[in-house]
């Protein structure tokens, strides 16, 4: 009996805590998919952020089906790894892997390999769970680059990425309620539909 109680206590002590937020995605007023971001606390020092988005557009000349997956791992407030993959119509469109080797970050991607030394302490995935208007630079996992916050107030902020796109984040009661991704072909709108702990 004491082994059963001990096993149960160990199981409770090793449980991870997860928080999940889901957004509907729309373009030109039509819902085309969903995005879910998750924050998991694995222990006192490790946080894992994930994102999975899936959508399908079949409108006029646009016929696309795609998925995007991110995973970012932080230990003691510092990013130690990230991965990103985007699939369009069943084919890998873009991917990257970033790993901290103790001194620098090593980037492998379909665009080639490189390295950088600036430590990401705040990233796009982290901002969904702790949106703050005090940061001027945010690490963009998809581009493996730091992006600039171009405008900010208590109602939200705008992030400009190195690929030329801009994303406007709209806050309410300190939480991201909606976003607009200003892309070359269309503006993608995202609206929070669920938040669970």
C-alpha atoms as a PDB file:
ATOM      1  CA  UNK A   1       0.000   0.000   0.000  1.00  0.00           C
ATOM      2  CA  UNK A   2       2.797   2.442   0.850  1.00  0.00           C
ATOM      3  CA  UNK A   3       4.282   1.894  -2.662  1.00  0.00           C
ATOM      4  CA  UNK A   4       0.944   2.801  -4.218  1.00  0.00           C
ATOM      5  CA  UNK A   5       0.743   6.031  -2.177  1.00  0.00           C
ATOM      6  CA  UNK A   6       4.389   6.849  -2.984  1.00  0.00           C
ATOM      7  CA  UNK A   7       3.784   6.247  -6.709  1.00  0.00           C
ATOM      8  CA  UNK A   8       0.719   8.482  -6.610  1.00  0.00           C
ATOM      9  CA  UNK A   9       2.653  11.297  -4.895  1.00  0.00           C
ATOM     10  CA  UNK A  10       5.477  11.016  -7.423  1.00  0.00           C
ATOM     11  CA  UNK A  11       2.977  11.187 -10.264  1.00  0.00           C
ATOM     12  CA  UNK A  12       1.398  14.339  -8.801  1.00  0.00           C
ATOM     13  CA  UNK A  13       4.804  15.923  -8.232  1.00  0.00           C
ATOM     14  CA  UNK A  14       5.922  15.314 -11.815  1.00  0.00           C
ATOM     15  CA  UNK A  15       2.745  16.668 -13.463  1.00  0.00           C
ATOM     16  CA  UNK A  16       3.206  19.433 -15.936  1.00  0.00           C
ATOM     17  CA  UNK A  17       1.001  22.492 -16.039  1.00  0.00           C
ATOM     18  CA  UNK A  18      -0.362  23.575 -19.432  1.00  0.00           C
ATOM     19  CA  UNK A  19      -2.179  26.660 -20.656  1.00  0.00           C
ATOM     20  CA  UNK A  20      -3.798  26.739 -24.110  1.00  0.00           C
ATOM     21  CA  UNK A  21      -5.203  29.562 -26.260  1.00  0.00           C
ATOM     22  CA  UNK A  22      -7.101  29.030 -29.525  1.00  0.00           C
ATOM     23  CA  UNK A  23      -7.709  31.597 -32.261  1.00  0.00           C
ATOM     24  CA  UNK A  24      -9.982  31.437 -35.309  1.00  0.00           C
ATOM     25  CA  UNK A  25      -8.270  32.597 -38.515  1.00  0.00           C
ATOM     26  CA  UNK A  26     -10.142  34.446 -41.264  1.00  0.00           C
ATOM     27  CA  UNK A  27      -9.429  36.276 -44.505  1.00  0.00           C
ATOM     28  CA  UNK A  28     -11.868  38.516 -46.396  1.00  0.00           C
ATOM     29  CA  UNK A  29     -14.450  37.713 -43.711  1.00  0.00           C
ATOM     30  CA  UNK A  30     -14.292  33.910 -44.198  1.00  0.00           C
ATOM     31  CA  UNK A  31     -12.994  31.597 -41.459  1.00  0.00           C
ATOM     32  CA  UNK A  32     -10.349  29.317 -42.945  1.00  0.00           C
ATOM     33  CA  UNK A  33      -8.677  27.676 -39.947  1.00  0.00           C
ATOM     34  CA  UNK A  34      -7.540  27.710 -36.342  1.00  0.00           C
ATOM     35  CA  UNK A  35      -4.345  28.328 -34.435  1.00  0.00           C
ATOM     36  CA  UNK A  36      -3.637  26.899 -30.980  1.00  0.00           C
ATOM     37  CA  UNK A  37      -0.740  28.039 -28.800  1.00  0.00           C
ATOM     38  CA  UNK A  38       0.267  26.164 -25.658  1.00  0.00           C
ATOM     39  CA  UNK A  39       2.538  26.963 -22.734  1.00  0.00           C
ATOM     40  CA  UNK A  40       3.697  23.991 -20.668  1.00  0.00           C
ATOM     41  CA  UNK A  41       5.656  24.288 -17.431  1.00  0.00           C
ATOM     42  CA  UNK A  42       7.706  21.091 -17.251  1.00  0.00           C
ATOM     43  CA  UNK A  43       9.414  21.968 -13.960  1.00  0.00           C
ATOM     44  CA  UNK A  44      10.601  25.004 -11.991  1.00  0.00           C
ATOM     45  CA  UNK A  45      13.005  26.117 -14.724  1.00  0.00           C
ATOM     46  CA  UNK A  46      11.670  24.785 -18.056  1.00  0.00           C
ATOM     47  CA  UNK A  47       8.892  26.312 -20.164  1.00  0.00           C
ATOM     48  CA  UNK A  48       7.846  24.878 -23.532  1.00  0.00           C
ATOM     49  CA  UNK A  49       5.739  26.888 -25.990  1.00  0.00           C
ATOM     50  CA  UNK A  50       4.084  25.247 -28.983  1.00  0.00           C
ATOM     51  CA  UNK A  51       1.893  26.456 -31.792  1.00  0.00           C
ATOM     52  CA  UNK A  52      -0.110  24.490 -34.319  1.00  0.00           C
ATOM     53  CA  UNK A  53      -2.104  26.209 -37.047  1.00  0.00           C
ATOM     54  CA  UNK A  54      -4.076  24.594 -39.834  1.00  0.00           C
ATOM     55  CA  UNK A  55      -6.131  26.182 -42.546  1.00  0.00           C
ATOM     56  CA  UNK A  56      -7.625  25.724 -45.966  1.00  0.00           C
ATOM     57  CA  UNK A  57      -8.495  28.426 -48.520  1.00  0.00           C
ATOM     58  CA  UNK A  58     -10.408  27.688 -51.715  1.00  0.00           C
ATOM     59  CA  UNK A  59     -11.457  31.093 -52.948  1.00  0.00           C
ATOM     60  CA  UNK A  60     -11.139  32.418 -56.495  1.00  0.00           C
ATOM     61  CA  UNK A  61      -7.511  31.924 -57.545  1.00  0.00           C
ATOM     62  CA  UNK A  62      -6.313  30.891 -54.057  1.00  0.00           C
ATOM     63  CA  UNK A  63      -6.389  27.162 -53.428  1.00  0.00           C
ATOM     64  CA  UNK A  64      -4.127  26.361 -50.483  1.00  0.00           C
ATOM     65  CA  UNK A  65      -4.097  24.018 -47.542  1.00  0.00           C
ATOM     66  CA  UNK A  66      -1.434  24.509 -44.927  1.00  0.00           C
ATOM     67  CA  UNK A  67      -0.149  23.720 -41.468  1.00  0.00           C
ATOM     68  CA  UNK A  68       2.433  25.412 -39.305  1.00  0.00           C
ATOM     69  CA  UNK A  69       4.151  24.000 -36.208  1.00  0.00           C
ATOM     70  CA  UNK A  70       6.455  25.767 -33.740  1.00  0.00           C
ATOM     71  CA  UNK A  71       8.142  24.583 -30.564  1.00  0.00           C
ATOM     72  CA  UNK A  72      10.280  26.813 -28.335  1.00  0.00           C
ATOM     73  CA  UNK A  73      12.024  25.683 -25.157  1.00  0.00           C
ATOM     74  CA  UNK A  74      13.198  28.049 -22.385  1.00  0.00           C
ATOM     75  CA  UNK A  75      15.340  27.131 -19.378  1.00  0.00           C
ATOM     76  CA  UNK A  76      15.747  29.728 -16.620  1.00  0.00           C
ATOM     77  CA  UNK A  77      14.241  32.431 -18.859  1.00  0.00           C
ATOM     78  CA  UNK A  78      16.594  31.822 -21.802  1.00  0.00           C
ATOM     79  CA  UNK A  79      15.654  30.184 -25.087  1.00  0.00           C
ATOM     80  CA  UNK A  80      17.661  26.997 -25.606  1.00  0.00           C
ATOM     81  CA  UNK A  81      15.973  25.655 -28.743  1.00  0.00           C
ATOM     82  CA  UNK A  82      13.257  26.312 -31.286  1.00  0.00           C
ATOM     83  CA  UNK A  83      11.860  24.589 -34.340  1.00  0.00           C
ATOM     84  CA  UNK A  84       9.480  25.712 -37.048  1.00  0.00           C
ATOM     85  CA  UNK A  85       7.952  23.979 -40.063  1.00  0.00           C
ATOM     86  CA  UNK A  86       5.387  25.252 -42.559  1.00  0.00           C
ATOM     87  CA  UNK A  87       3.657  22.875 -44.973  1.00  0.00           C
ATOM     88  CA  UNK A  88       1.664  24.123 -47.992  1.00  0.00           C
ATOM     89  CA  UNK A  89      -0.420  21.706 -50.075  1.00  0.00           C
ATOM     90  CA  UNK A  90       1.384  18.733 -48.501  1.00  0.00           C
ATOM     91  CA  UNK A  91       4.930  19.991 -49.202  1.00  0.00           C
ATOM     92  CA  UNK A  92       7.447  21.546 -46.830  1.00  0.00           C
ATOM     93  CA  UNK A  93       7.504  25.244 -47.657  1.00  0.00           C
ATOM     94  CA  UNK A  94       9.838  26.494 -44.927  1.00  0.00           C
ATOM     95  CA  UNK A  95      11.618  25.010 -41.891  1.00  0.00           C
ATOM     96  CA  UNK A  96      14.248  25.836 -39.310  1.00  0.00           C
ATOM     97  CA  UNK A  97      15.902  24.406 -36.199  1.00  0.00           C
ATOM     98  CA  UNK A  98      17.761  26.543 -33.640  1.00  0.00           C
ATOM     99  CA  UNK A  99      19.888  25.116 -30.796  1.00  0.00           C
ATOM    100  CA  UNK A 100      21.957  26.879 -28.132  1.00  0.00           C
ATOM    101  CA  UNK A 101      25.386  25.217 -27.822  1.00  0.00           C
ATOM    102  CA  UNK A 102      26.356  26.988 -24.583  1.00  0.00           C
ATOM    103  CA  UNK A 103      27.944  29.980 -26.331  1.00  0.00           C
ATOM    104  CA  UNK A 104      25.928  30.715 -29.459  1.00  0.00           C
ATOM    105  CA  UNK A 105      22.784  29.753 -31.313  1.00  0.00           C
ATOM    106  CA  UNK A 106      23.188  27.444 -34.302  1.00  0.00           C
ATOM    107  CA  UNK A 107      20.558  27.855 -37.018  1.00  0.00           C
ATOM    108  CA  UNK A 108      19.812  25.237 -39.667  1.00  0.00           C
ATOM    109  CA  UNK A 109      17.094  26.040 -42.189  1.00  0.00           C
ATOM    110  CA  UNK A 110      16.030  25.646 -45.785  1.00  0.00           C
ATOM    111  CA  UNK A 111      17.670  29.078 -46.317  1.00  0.00           C
ATOM    112  CA  UNK A 112      21.058  27.811 -45.077  1.00  0.00           C
ATOM    113  CA  UNK A 113      22.986  27.688 -41.832  1.00  0.00           C
ATOM    114  CA  UNK A 114      24.186  30.539 -39.644  1.00  0.00           C
ATOM    115  CA  UNK A 115      24.733  31.473 -36.009  1.00  0.00           C
ATOM    116  CA  UNK A 116      23.978  34.347 -33.648  1.00  0.00           C
ATOM    117  CA  UNK A 117      24.861  35.242 -30.057  1.00  0.00           C
ATOM    118  CA  UNK A 118      22.089  37.568 -28.816  1.00  0.00           C
ATOM    119  CA  UNK A 119      20.068  35.643 -26.229  1.00  0.00           C
ATOM    120  CA  UNK A 120      16.312  35.514 -26.912  1.00  0.00           C
ATOM    121  CA  UNK A 121      14.462  36.099 -23.641  1.00  0.00           C
ATOM    122  CA  UNK A 122      11.135  37.071 -25.219  1.00  0.00           C
ATOM    123  CA  UNK A 123       9.713  35.462 -28.356  1.00  0.00           C
ATOM    124  CA  UNK A 124       6.568  35.611 -30.474  1.00  0.00           C
ATOM    125  CA  UNK A 125       5.157  32.439 -28.882  1.00  0.00           C
ATOM    126  CA  UNK A 126       5.906  33.689 -25.361  1.00  0.00           C
ATOM    127  CA  UNK A 127       4.068  36.951 -25.988  1.00  0.00           C
ATOM    128  CA  UNK A 128       0.716  35.138 -26.332  1.00  0.00           C
ATOM    129  CA  UNK A 129       0.925  34.240 -22.629  1.00  0.00           C
ATOM    130  CA  UNK A 130       2.658  37.366 -21.361  1.00  0.00           C
ATOM    131  CA  UNK A 131       1.867  40.229 -23.736  1.00  0.00           C
ATOM    132  CA  UNK A 132       3.762  43.294 -22.676  1.00  0.00           C
ATOM    133  CA  UNK A 133       4.251  46.624 -24.342  1.00  0.00           C
ATOM    134  CA  UNK A 134       7.649  47.193 -22.695  1.00  0.00           C
ATOM    135  CA  UNK A 135       9.754  45.175 -25.162  1.00  0.00           C
ATOM    136  CA  UNK A 136      11.162  46.858 -28.270  1.00  0.00           C
ATOM    137  CA  UNK A 137      12.689  43.693 -29.761  1.00  0.00           C
ATOM    138  CA  UNK A 138      11.090  40.264 -29.931  1.00  0.00           C
ATOM    139  CA  UNK A 139      12.666  37.097 -31.306  1.00  0.00           C
ATOM    140  CA  UNK A 140      10.625  35.794 -34.251  1.00  0.00           C
ATOM    141  CA  UNK A 141      10.992  32.003 -34.312  1.00  0.00           C
ATOM    142  CA  UNK A 142       9.726  31.631 -37.880  1.00  0.00           C
ATOM    143  CA  UNK A 143      12.344  33.993 -39.311  1.00  0.00           C
ATOM    144  CA  UNK A 144      15.104  33.170 -36.758  1.00  0.00           C
ATOM    145  CA  UNK A 145      15.590  36.934 -36.435  1.00  0.00           C
ATOM    146  CA  UNK A 146      14.812  39.647 -33.922  1.00  0.00           C
ATOM    147  CA  UNK A 147      11.860  41.820 -34.908  1.00  0.00           C
ATOM    148  CA  UNK A 148      11.058  45.373 -33.919  1.00  0.00           C
ATOM    149  CA  UNK A 149       8.021  46.655 -32.064  1.00  0.00           C
ATOM    150  CA  UNK A 150       7.101  49.661 -34.188  1.00  0.00           C
ATOM    151  CA  UNK A 151       4.233  51.095 -32.141  1.00  0.00           C
ATOM    152  CA  UNK A 152       2.871  50.376 -28.700  1.00  0.00           C
ATOM    153  CA  UNK A 153       0.199  51.567 -26.264  1.00  0.00           C
ATOM    154  CA  UNK A 154      -2.027  50.045 -23.567  1.00  0.00           C
ATOM    155  CA  UNK A 155      -4.377  48.671 -26.260  1.00  0.00           C
ATOM    156  CA  UNK A 156      -1.688  46.716 -28.114  1.00  0.00           C
ATOM    157  CA  UNK A 157       1.381  46.846 -30.270  1.00  0.00           C
ATOM    158  CA  UNK A 158       2.617  46.232 -33.800  1.00  0.00           C
ATOM    159  CA  UNK A 159       5.499  43.938 -34.682  1.00  0.00           C
ATOM    160  CA  UNK A 160       7.443  44.312 -37.940  1.00  0.00           C
ATOM    161  CA  UNK A 161       9.203  41.170 -39.145  1.00  0.00           C
ATOM    162  CA  UNK A 162      12.277  40.905 -41.334  1.00  0.00           C
ATOM    163  CA  UNK A 163      10.212  39.381 -44.153  1.00  0.00           C
ATOM    164  CA  UNK A 164       8.329  42.687 -44.467  1.00  0.00           C
ATOM    165  CA  UNK A 165       5.097  41.547 -42.830  1.00  0.00           C
ATOM    166  CA  UNK A 166       3.532  43.356 -39.890  1.00  0.00           C
ATOM    167  CA  UNK A 167       1.345  41.955 -37.151  1.00  0.00           C
ATOM    168  CA  UNK A 168      -0.949  44.096 -34.998  1.00  0.00           C
ATOM    169  CA  UNK A 169      -1.785  42.624 -31.582  1.00  0.00           C
ATOM    170  CA  UNK A 170      -4.922  43.966 -29.861  1.00  0.00           C
ATOM    171  CA  UNK A 171      -5.083  43.667 -26.061  1.00  0.00           C
ATOM    172  CA  UNK A 172      -8.010  43.663 -23.673  1.00  0.00           C
ATOM    173  CA  UNK A 173      -7.555  43.225 -19.920  1.00  0.00           C
ATOM    174  CA  UNK A 174      -3.878  42.415 -20.543  1.00  0.00           C
ATOM    175  CA  UNK A 175      -4.606  39.511 -22.932  1.00  0.00           C
ATOM    176  CA  UNK A 176      -4.304  39.251 -26.703  1.00  0.00           C
ATOM    177  CA  UNK A 177      -7.880  39.187 -27.992  1.00  0.00           C
ATOM    178  CA  UNK A 178      -7.207  39.542 -31.696  1.00  0.00           C
ATOM    179  CA  UNK A 179      -4.477  40.037 -34.274  1.00  0.00           C
ATOM    180  CA  UNK A 180      -4.117  41.181 -37.842  1.00  0.00           C
ATOM    181  CA  UNK A 181      -1.286  39.900 -40.009  1.00  0.00           C
ATOM    182  CA  UNK A 182      -0.671  42.428 -42.768  1.00  0.00           C
ATOM    183  CA  UNK A 183       0.709  40.246 -45.580  1.00  0.00           C
ATOM    184  CA  UNK A 184       1.271  41.021 -49.248  1.00  0.00           C
ATOM    185  CA  UNK A 185      -1.856  39.316 -50.641  1.00  0.00           C
ATOM    186  CA  UNK A 186      -4.357  39.839 -47.837  1.00  0.00           C
ATOM    187  CA  UNK A 187      -4.798  40.742 -44.187  1.00  0.00           C
ATOM    188  CA  UNK A 188      -5.309  37.675 -42.019  1.00  0.00           C
ATOM    189  CA  UNK A 189      -7.452  38.276 -38.948  1.00  0.00           C
ATOM    190  CA  UNK A 190      -7.284  36.126 -35.844  1.00  0.00           C
ATOM    191  CA  UNK A 191      -9.736  36.184 -32.943  1.00  0.00           C
ATOM    192  CA  UNK A 192      -9.374  34.436 -29.581  1.00  0.00           C
ATOM    193  CA  UNK A 193     -12.093  31.806 -29.093  1.00  0.00           C
ATOM    194  CA  UNK A 194     -10.817  29.762 -26.143  1.00  0.00           C
ATOM    195  CA  UNK A 195      -8.392  29.981 -23.224  1.00  0.00           C
ATOM    196  CA  UNK A 196      -7.935  27.007 -20.909  1.00  0.00           C
ATOM    197  CA  UNK A 197      -5.609  26.176 -18.021  1.00  0.00           C
END
